[in-house]
Amino acid sequence: MTRIPSSRPCFVGHELEYIEEAVRGGHISGNGPFTKRCEALLERELGAARVLLTTSCTHALEMSALLLNIAPGDEVIVPSFTFVSTINAFALFGARPVFCDIRPDTLNMDETLLPELVTDRTRAIVPVHYAGISCDMDSIAKTANDAGVAIVEDNAHGLFGKQDGKVLGSTGDFSTVSFHETKNFSCGEGGALIINNPKWVEAAEIAREKGTNRIAFNRGEVDKYTWMERGSSWLPSDLLAAFLLAQLECKERILELRKSIFMKYCSRLRGWAAANDVRLPLIPNGCESAWHMFHLLLPTPEARTRFLAHMNEREVAAVFHYIPLHTSPMGSRISGKPSGCPVTERISATMARLPYYDDLSDDELDRVCEAVQSFRV
């Protein structure tokens, strides 16, 4: 029996054709024609002042930390239930993480806890739109504005998701997205920095070009380019951008495929979940999900352990998700003080994710659901 993976990259459009076009065009380094087409498409769809492709979402977060001049002694508020890159990018510049617990419904940062976490050393709040479901950005923005701190939205899961008609990632000074092969839109490894506040555009272009004003030179705005500020090499190959463009051009198709899989899981598993005290994902009113994943919340850690073993025996890759950052060796060491995040700890210990990818077939989905339904808590 062939094992059903938790995720796999999918071809949906002109990926190979565009890569060949890039090779034949003779520009395969960064900032070529396909890079510019991707950035223009994203700027148009997201209403951003500027979009800059990067080599990863991690690097986009690092760019935001550099632009905000994060330094030792600064504090950055992040959810404990997230991937390590969310805080690692700021810790690289010496920031201390302040871990925030999550809401039990959306699994996003609990915005009601933020006012008590903000101090005079807070430089940024970094909400994560978990599974493509929006955080309460109105409340987060109010706290940030009252404190005079920046917002950097980690939108690795939520590209093209919306809340009340507003696209995710459009509230903060910056947002970041991921094009890793596990994400909805992929080029294997890649990301982007979304710049909503126009005041950061020039500095961001310089930062991504190793600290030089090369982009201004290429536009004919200066007669030579030179070292202007700190920066690094965060620009992806145009080959990656060629692959990515093909995926972005199929935006509607990809989102519809993923929504269909999500809804089939809900329909098939709703009765089983109710009978076994298992919680399915919640989509709040007004939310247009990005359909990034489908998870189950088992009633106890012991039930989750048995469930994962049960699925593995049936050659279905059900997997857990994040280990709470505040309990990790590094998180405990650099946060400087214990951070209680009981909801995060409970969710981490009871979550299981089901296989989820664009071309998950009906036969595969049947196998997954049959395996799930044969489990008894």
Protein backbone atom coordinates (compact mmCIF):
# COMPACT_ATOMS: atom_id res chain seq x y z
CA MET A 1 0.00 0.00 0.00
CA THR A 2 1.38 3.40 -1.00
CA ARG A 3 1.84 5.75 1.94
CA ILE A 4 -0.16 8.98 1.82
CA PRO A 5 2.20 11.86 2.73
CA SER A 6 1.27 14.79 4.91
CA SER A 7 2.14 17.20 2.10
CA ARG A 8 3.66 17.23 -1.37
CA PRO A 9 4.45 19.90 -3.96
CA CYS A 10 2.10 20.08 -6.92
CA PHE A 11 2.42 21.31 -10.50
CA VAL A 12 -0.59 23.37 -11.54
CA GLY A 13 0.31 25.51 -14.54
CA HIS A 14 3.26 26.55 -16.68
CA GLU A 15 6.07 25.86 -14.18
CA LEU A 16 8.40 23.96 -16.54
CA GLU A 17 7.56 26.18 -19.50
CA TYR A 18 8.43 29.32 -17.55
CA ILE A 19 11.67 27.84 -16.21
CA GLU A 20 12.71 26.99 -19.78
CA GLU A 21 11.78 30.52 -20.85
CA ALA A 22 13.97 31.97 -18.08
CA VAL A 23 16.92 29.78 -19.11
CA ARG A 24 16.55 30.66 -22.77
CA GLY A 25 16.22 34.33 -21.86
CA GLY A 26 19.67 34.29 -20.31
CA HIS A 27 18.74 35.88 -16.96
CA ILE A 28 18.58 33.31 -14.17
CA SER A 29 20.02 35.39 -11.30
CA GLY A 30 17.81 37.54 -9.11
CA ASN A 31 15.58 40.47 -10.03
CA GLY A 32 14.96 39.25 -13.55
CA PRO A 33 11.76 39.35 -15.61
CA PHE A 34 9.97 36.64 -13.63
CA THR A 35 10.89 38.19 -10.28
CA LYS A 36 9.38 41.47 -11.44
CA ARG A 37 6.24 39.77 -12.75
CA CYS A 38 5.71 37.95 -9.44
CA GLU A 39 6.19 41.14 -7.45
CA ALA A 40 3.82 43.10 -9.70
CA LEU A 41 1.15 40.40 -9.42
CA LEU A 42 1.40 40.33 -5.62
CA GLU A 43 1.38 44.13 -5.35
CA ARG A 44 -1.78 44.23 -7.45
CA GLU A 45 -3.55 41.44 -5.54
CA LEU A 46 -2.53 42.62 -2.07
CA GLY A 47 -2.67 46.37 -2.58
CA ALA A 48 0.87 46.65 -1.18
CA ALA A 49 3.17 49.63 -1.60
CA ARG A 50 5.94 47.21 -2.62
CA VAL A 51 6.58 43.48 -2.64
CA LEU A 52 10.11 42.08 -2.64
CA LEU A 53 10.70 38.40 -3.29
CA THR A 54 13.15 36.76 -0.89
CA THR A 55 14.86 33.41 -0.56
CA SER A 56 12.53 32.42 2.30
CA CYS A 57 9.90 33.74 4.69
CA THR A 58 12.63 33.58 7.34
CA HIS A 59 14.73 36.00 5.31
CA ALA A 60 11.74 38.31 4.84
CA LEU A 61 11.36 38.39 8.63
CA GLU A 62 15.08 39.11 8.98
CA MET A 63 14.71 42.00 6.54
CA SER A 64 11.91 43.44 8.67
CA ALA A 65 14.09 43.15 11.80
CA LEU A 66 16.94 44.95 10.04
CA LEU A 67 14.67 47.70 8.74
CA LEU A 68 13.22 48.23 12.23
CA ASN A 69 16.78 48.49 13.56
CA ILE A 70 16.15 45.76 16.15
CA ALA A 71 19.01 45.66 18.65
CA PRO A 72 20.03 43.96 21.92
CA GLY A 73 17.66 44.92 24.72
CA ASP A 74 14.64 45.27 22.44
CA GLU A 75 11.58 43.07 23.01
CA VAL A 76 9.40 41.45 20.36
CA ILE A 77 6.01 39.90 21.19
CA VAL A 78 5.23 36.66 19.36
CA PRO A 79 2.87 33.73 19.88
CA SER A 80 4.56 30.73 21.45
CA PHE A 81 2.65 28.49 19.04
CA THR A 82 4.52 29.20 15.81
CA PHE A 83 7.52 28.11 13.78
CA VAL A 84 10.91 29.09 15.19
CA SER A 85 11.61 31.52 12.31
CA THR A 86 8.97 33.93 13.60
CA ILE A 87 11.20 34.88 16.53
CA ASN A 88 14.59 33.65 15.33
CA ALA A 89 14.73 36.46 12.79
CA PHE A 90 14.56 39.03 15.60
CA ALA A 91 16.71 37.06 18.06
CA LEU A 92 19.53 37.19 15.49
CA PHE A 93 19.65 40.95 16.09
CA GLY A 94 19.62 40.53 19.88
CA ALA A 95 15.91 40.93 20.63
CA ARG A 96 14.34 39.17 23.60
CA PRO A 97 11.16 37.22 22.80
CA VAL A 98 8.05 37.89 24.84
CA PHE A 99 5.81 34.88 24.31
CA CYS A 100 2.06 35.37 24.08
CA ASP A 101 -0.49 32.61 24.53
CA ILE A 102 -3.04 31.78 21.82
CA ARG A 103 -6.81 31.80 21.66
CA PRO A 104 -8.46 28.38 22.03
CA ASP A 105 -10.79 28.98 19.07
CA THR A 106 -8.66 30.29 16.17
CA LEU A 107 -5.29 29.23 17.66
CA ASN A 108 -4.03 32.74 16.91
CA MET A 109 -2.29 35.19 19.24
CA ASP A 110 -4.62 36.11 22.11
CA GLU A 111 -5.00 39.84 21.53
CA THR A 112 -6.50 40.40 25.00
CA LEU A 113 -3.13 39.53 26.59
CA LEU A 114 -1.09 42.05 24.61
CA PRO A 115 -1.57 45.20 26.74
CA GLU A 116 0.02 43.51 29.76
CA LEU A 117 2.94 42.23 27.66
CA VAL A 118 3.91 45.58 26.14
CA THR A 119 6.74 47.44 27.87
CA ASP A 120 8.83 50.49 27.05
CA ARG A 121 11.29 48.11 25.37
CA THR A 122 8.74 46.56 22.99
CA ARG A 123 9.66 47.26 19.38
CA ALA A 124 7.31 44.99 17.45
CA ILE A 125 4.30 42.72 17.71
CA VAL A 126 4.42 39.75 15.33
CA PRO A 127 1.01 38.06 14.91
CA VAL A 128 0.80 34.78 12.99
CA HIS A 129 -2.30 34.01 10.91
CA TYR A 130 -2.38 30.34 11.85
CA ALA A 131 -3.66 27.95 9.16
CA GLY A 132 -4.74 30.95 7.06
CA ILE A 133 -7.25 32.26 9.63
CA SER A 134 -6.97 35.95 10.52
CA CYS A 135 -5.85 37.22 13.89
CA ASP A 136 -7.95 39.99 15.44
CA MET A 137 -5.95 42.65 13.67
CA ASP A 138 -8.15 45.56 14.77
CA SER A 139 -7.37 44.88 18.44
CA ILE A 140 -3.70 44.15 17.72
CA ALA A 141 -3.38 47.35 15.71
CA LYS A 142 -4.94 49.38 18.53
CA THR A 143 -2.48 47.99 21.07
CA ALA A 144 0.45 48.60 18.72
CA ASN A 145 -0.65 52.12 17.87
CA ASP A 146 -1.23 53.02 21.52
CA ALA A 147 2.26 51.79 22.37
CA GLY A 148 3.94 53.22 19.26
CA VAL A 149 5.33 49.85 18.14
CA ALA A 150 5.50 48.21 14.72
CA ILE A 151 3.44 45.27 13.49
CA VAL A 152 5.07 42.57 11.37
CA GLU A 153 2.47 40.01 10.23
CA ASP A 154 3.82 36.49 9.78
CA ASN A 155 1.47 35.43 6.99
CA ALA A 156 3.31 32.27 5.95
CA HIS A 157 0.02 30.34 6.09
CA GLY A 158 -2.42 32.95 4.87
CA LEU A 159 -1.57 34.35 1.45
CA PHE A 160 -4.80 35.56 -0.23
CA GLY A 161 -6.90 34.87 2.86
CA LYS A 162 -9.23 37.66 3.98
CA GLN A 163 -11.11 38.91 7.01
CA ASP A 164 -14.18 41.09 6.41
CA GLY A 165 -12.96 41.60 2.86
CA LYS A 166 -9.49 42.79 3.88
CA VAL A 167 -6.54 40.69 2.74
CA LEU A 168 -4.38 39.14 5.44
CA GLY A 169 -1.03 40.84 5.82
CA SER A 170 -2.27 44.32 4.88
CA THR A 171 -2.50 45.84 8.37
CA GLY A 172 1.08 45.85 9.62
CA ASP A 173 4.04 47.93 8.52
CA PHE A 174 5.28 44.68 6.98
CA SER A 175 4.01 41.19 6.39
CA THR A 176 5.90 38.11 5.25
CA VAL A 177 4.85 35.11 3.20
CA SER A 178 6.37 31.71 2.48
CA PHE A 179 6.74 29.83 -0.78
CA HIS A 180 8.21 26.70 0.80
CA GLU A 181 7.09 23.46 -0.84
CA THR A 182 4.63 22.81 2.01
CA LYS A 183 2.76 26.06 1.39
CA ASN A 184 -0.24 26.74 -0.85
CA PHE A 185 1.93 28.51 -3.45
CA SER A 186 5.44 27.20 -3.80
CA CYS A 187 8.75 27.43 -5.60
CA GLY A 188 10.46 24.91 -3.32
CA GLU A 189 12.13 27.53 -1.12
CA GLY A 190 11.15 31.17 -1.20
CA GLY A 191 9.28 34.03 0.43
CA ALA A 192 8.42 37.69 0.14
CA LEU A 193 8.42 40.85 2.21
CA ILE A 194 5.17 42.76 1.80
CA ILE A 195 5.65 46.48 2.49
CA ASN A 196 2.43 48.28 3.36
CA ASN A 197 3.95 51.55 4.58
CA PRO A 198 5.58 53.37 1.63
CA LYS A 199 8.19 54.98 3.90
CA TRP A 200 10.05 51.64 4.06
CA VAL A 201 10.25 50.94 0.31
CA GLU A 202 13.61 52.54 -0.49
CA ALA A 203 15.31 51.16 2.61
CA ALA A 204 13.94 47.68 1.89
CA GLU A 205 15.20 47.73 -1.70
CA ILE A 206 18.64 48.71 -0.43
CA ALA A 207 18.64 46.03 2.29
CA ARG A 208 17.81 43.25 -0.17
CA GLU A 209 20.54 44.39 -2.56
CA LYS A 210 23.36 43.81 -0.04
CA GLY A 211 22.99 47.34 1.31
CA THR A 212 23.52 49.00 -2.08
CA ASN A 213 21.30 51.29 -4.15
CA ARG A 214 21.59 48.97 -7.14
CA ILE A 215 17.83 48.96 -7.82
CA ALA A 216 17.82 52.75 -8.09
CA PHE A 217 20.79 52.45 -10.48
CA ASN A 218 18.96 49.88 -12.62
CA ARG A 219 16.01 52.27 -12.85
CA GLY A 220 18.33 55.05 -14.01
CA GLU A 221 17.79 57.13 -10.89
CA VAL A 222 21.51 57.33 -10.05
CA ASP A 223 24.58 57.13 -12.31
CA LYS A 224 26.33 54.47 -10.17
CA TYR A 225 25.51 52.28 -7.23
CA THR A 226 27.39 51.92 -3.97
CA TRP A 227 27.14 50.68 -0.39
CA MET A 228 24.50 52.70 1.43
CA GLU A 229 23.34 50.72 4.51
CA ARG A 230 23.47 47.31 6.12
CA GLY A 231 22.01 44.58 3.97
CA SER A 232 22.38 41.01 2.79
CA SER A 233 21.83 38.70 -0.16
CA TRP A 234 18.14 37.83 0.13
CA LEU A 235 17.27 37.81 -3.58
CA PRO A 236 16.07 34.52 -5.12
CA SER A 237 17.02 33.19 -8.54
CA ASP A 238 14.74 34.10 -11.42
CA LEU A 239 14.36 30.34 -11.99
CA LEU A 240 12.51 30.11 -8.68
CA ALA A 241 10.43 33.14 -9.59
CA ALA A 242 9.52 31.49 -12.90
CA PHE A 243 8.16 28.44 -11.07
CA LEU A 244 6.39 30.67 -8.57
CA LEU A 245 4.70 32.83 -11.20
CA ALA A 246 3.04 29.77 -12.70
CA GLN A 247 1.61 28.95 -9.27
CA LEU A 248 0.46 32.49 -8.51
CA GLU A 249 -1.30 32.72 -11.87
CA CYS A 250 -3.40 29.71 -10.78
CA LYS A 251 -4.42 31.41 -7.53
CA GLU A 252 -8.16 30.85 -7.86
CA ARG A 253 -7.81 27.23 -8.95
CA ILE A 254 -5.45 26.37 -6.09
CA LEU A 255 -7.66 28.00 -3.48
CA GLU A 256 -10.75 26.23 -4.82
CA LEU A 257 -9.00 22.85 -4.80
CA ARG A 258 -7.86 23.34 -1.22
CA LYS A 259 -11.26 24.60 -0.10
CA SER A 260 -12.92 21.56 -1.65
CA ILE A 261 -10.60 19.18 0.24
CA PHE A 262 -11.22 21.08 3.48
CA MET A 263 -14.99 20.90 3.07
CA LYS A 264 -14.89 17.20 2.23
CA TYR A 265 -12.93 16.51 5.40
CA CYS A 266 -15.47 18.52 7.42
CA SER A 267 -18.43 16.72 5.89
CA ARG A 268 -16.95 13.25 6.26
CA LEU A 269 -15.55 13.65 9.77
CA ARG A 270 -18.12 15.83 11.54
CA GLY A 271 -20.12 12.93 12.99
CA TRP A 272 -17.02 10.96 14.03
CA ALA A 273 -15.57 14.06 15.70
CA ALA A 274 -18.73 14.74 17.71
CA ALA A 275 -18.89 11.12 18.88
CA ASN A 276 -15.25 11.12 19.99
CA ASP A 277 -14.96 14.57 21.56
CA VAL A 278 -12.63 15.72 18.78
CA ARG A 279 -12.67 19.33 17.58
CA LEU A 280 -12.50 20.25 13.90
CA PRO A 281 -11.03 23.57 12.67
CA LEU A 282 -13.06 26.73 13.31
CA ILE A 283 -13.57 29.37 10.62
CA PRO A 284 -14.91 32.59 12.20
CA ASN A 285 -17.63 34.75 10.68
CA GLY A 286 -16.31 37.08 8.01
CA CYS A 287 -13.22 34.95 7.40
CA GLU A 288 -12.21 33.83 3.93
CA SER A 289 -9.67 31.17 4.84
CA ALA A 290 -6.51 30.57 2.83
CA TRP A 291 -7.21 26.81 3.34
CA HIS A 292 -3.69 26.02 4.42
CA MET A 293 -4.23 22.95 6.60
CA PHE A 294 -6.75 20.65 8.24
CA HIS A 295 -6.18 19.68 11.86
CA LEU A 296 -7.93 17.72 14.60
CA LEU A 297 -7.80 18.51 18.30
CA LEU A 298 -7.97 15.25 20.24
CA PRO A 299 -9.37 15.34 23.80
CA THR A 300 -6.11 14.31 25.54
CA PRO A 301 -2.38 13.99 24.78
CA GLU A 302 -2.69 10.23 25.26
CA ALA A 303 -5.45 10.08 22.65
CA ARG A 304 -3.31 12.08 20.23
CA THR A 305 -0.38 9.68 20.71
CA ARG A 306 -2.59 6.67 19.99
CA PHE A 307 -4.21 8.43 17.02
CA LEU A 308 -0.87 9.18 15.32
CA ALA A 309 0.24 5.57 15.81
CA HIS A 310 -3.12 4.34 14.48
CA MET A 311 -2.79 6.44 11.31
CA ASN A 312 0.84 5.46 10.79
CA GLU A 313 -0.11 1.78 10.89
CA ARG A 314 -2.54 2.49 8.05
CA GLU A 315 0.13 4.24 5.96
CA VAL A 316 -1.37 7.69 6.41
CA ALA A 317 0.96 10.47 7.51
CA ALA A 318 -0.92 12.31 10.24
CA VAL A 319 1.51 14.57 12.09
CA PHE A 320 1.70 16.92 15.08
CA HIS A 321 2.63 20.58 14.81
CA TYR A 322 4.63 23.15 16.79
CA ILE A 323 6.35 22.47 20.08
CA PRO A 324 5.73 25.59 22.25
CA LEU A 325 8.63 27.99 21.83
CA HIS A 326 8.50 29.14 25.45
CA THR A 327 9.32 25.57 26.58
CA SER A 328 12.15 25.05 24.08
CA PRO A 329 15.78 25.16 25.27
CA MET A 330 16.53 28.34 23.30
CA GLY A 331 13.22 30.03 24.10
CA SER A 332 13.58 29.35 27.80
CA ARG A 333 17.14 30.64 27.78
CA ILE A 334 16.71 33.94 25.96
CA SER A 335 13.23 34.96 27.07
CA GLY A 336 14.71 35.79 30.46
CA LYS A 337 11.72 34.72 32.50
CA PRO A 338 9.15 31.91 32.53
CA SER A 339 6.19 32.51 30.25
CA GLY A 340 3.01 30.65 31.02
CA CYS A 341 1.07 29.77 27.88
CA PRO A 342 -1.37 27.06 28.98
CA VAL A 343 -3.54 27.12 25.85
CA THR A 344 -0.46 26.75 23.64
CA GLU A 345 0.73 23.80 25.70
CA ARG A 346 -2.65 22.06 25.51
CA ILE A 347 -3.09 22.62 21.77
CA SER A 348 0.46 21.46 21.02
CA ALA A 349 -0.10 18.24 22.97
CA THR A 350 -3.45 17.35 21.35
CA MET A 351 -3.24 18.49 17.70
CA ALA A 352 -2.94 16.15 14.73
CA ARG A 353 -2.83 17.33 11.11
CA LEU A 354 -4.24 15.32 8.22
CA PRO A 355 -2.73 15.02 4.72
CA TYR A 356 -3.47 18.16 2.74
CA TYR A 357 -2.21 19.11 -0.71
CA ASP A 358 -3.65 20.40 -3.98
CA ASP A 359 -3.90 17.08 -5.82
CA LEU A 360 -5.09 14.93 -2.92
CA SER A 361 -7.33 12.54 -4.84
CA ASP A 362 -10.79 11.37 -3.80
CA ASP A 363 -9.41 7.87 -3.33
CA GLU A 364 -6.68 9.19 -1.04
CA LEU A 365 -9.17 11.29 0.89
CA ASP A 366 -11.39 8.23 1.28
CA ARG A 367 -8.46 6.28 2.71
CA VAL A 368 -7.61 9.07 5.15
CA CYS A 369 -11.20 9.42 6.34
CA GLU A 370 -11.68 5.65 6.69
CA ALA A 371 -8.51 5.47 8.78
CA VAL A 372 -9.68 8.36 10.97
CA GLN A 373 -13.17 6.94 11.43
CA SER A 374 -11.81 3.58 12.53
CA PHE A 375 -10.13 5.23 15.53
CA ARG A 376 -11.98 5.37 18.83
CA VAL A 377 -10.94 7.71 21.60
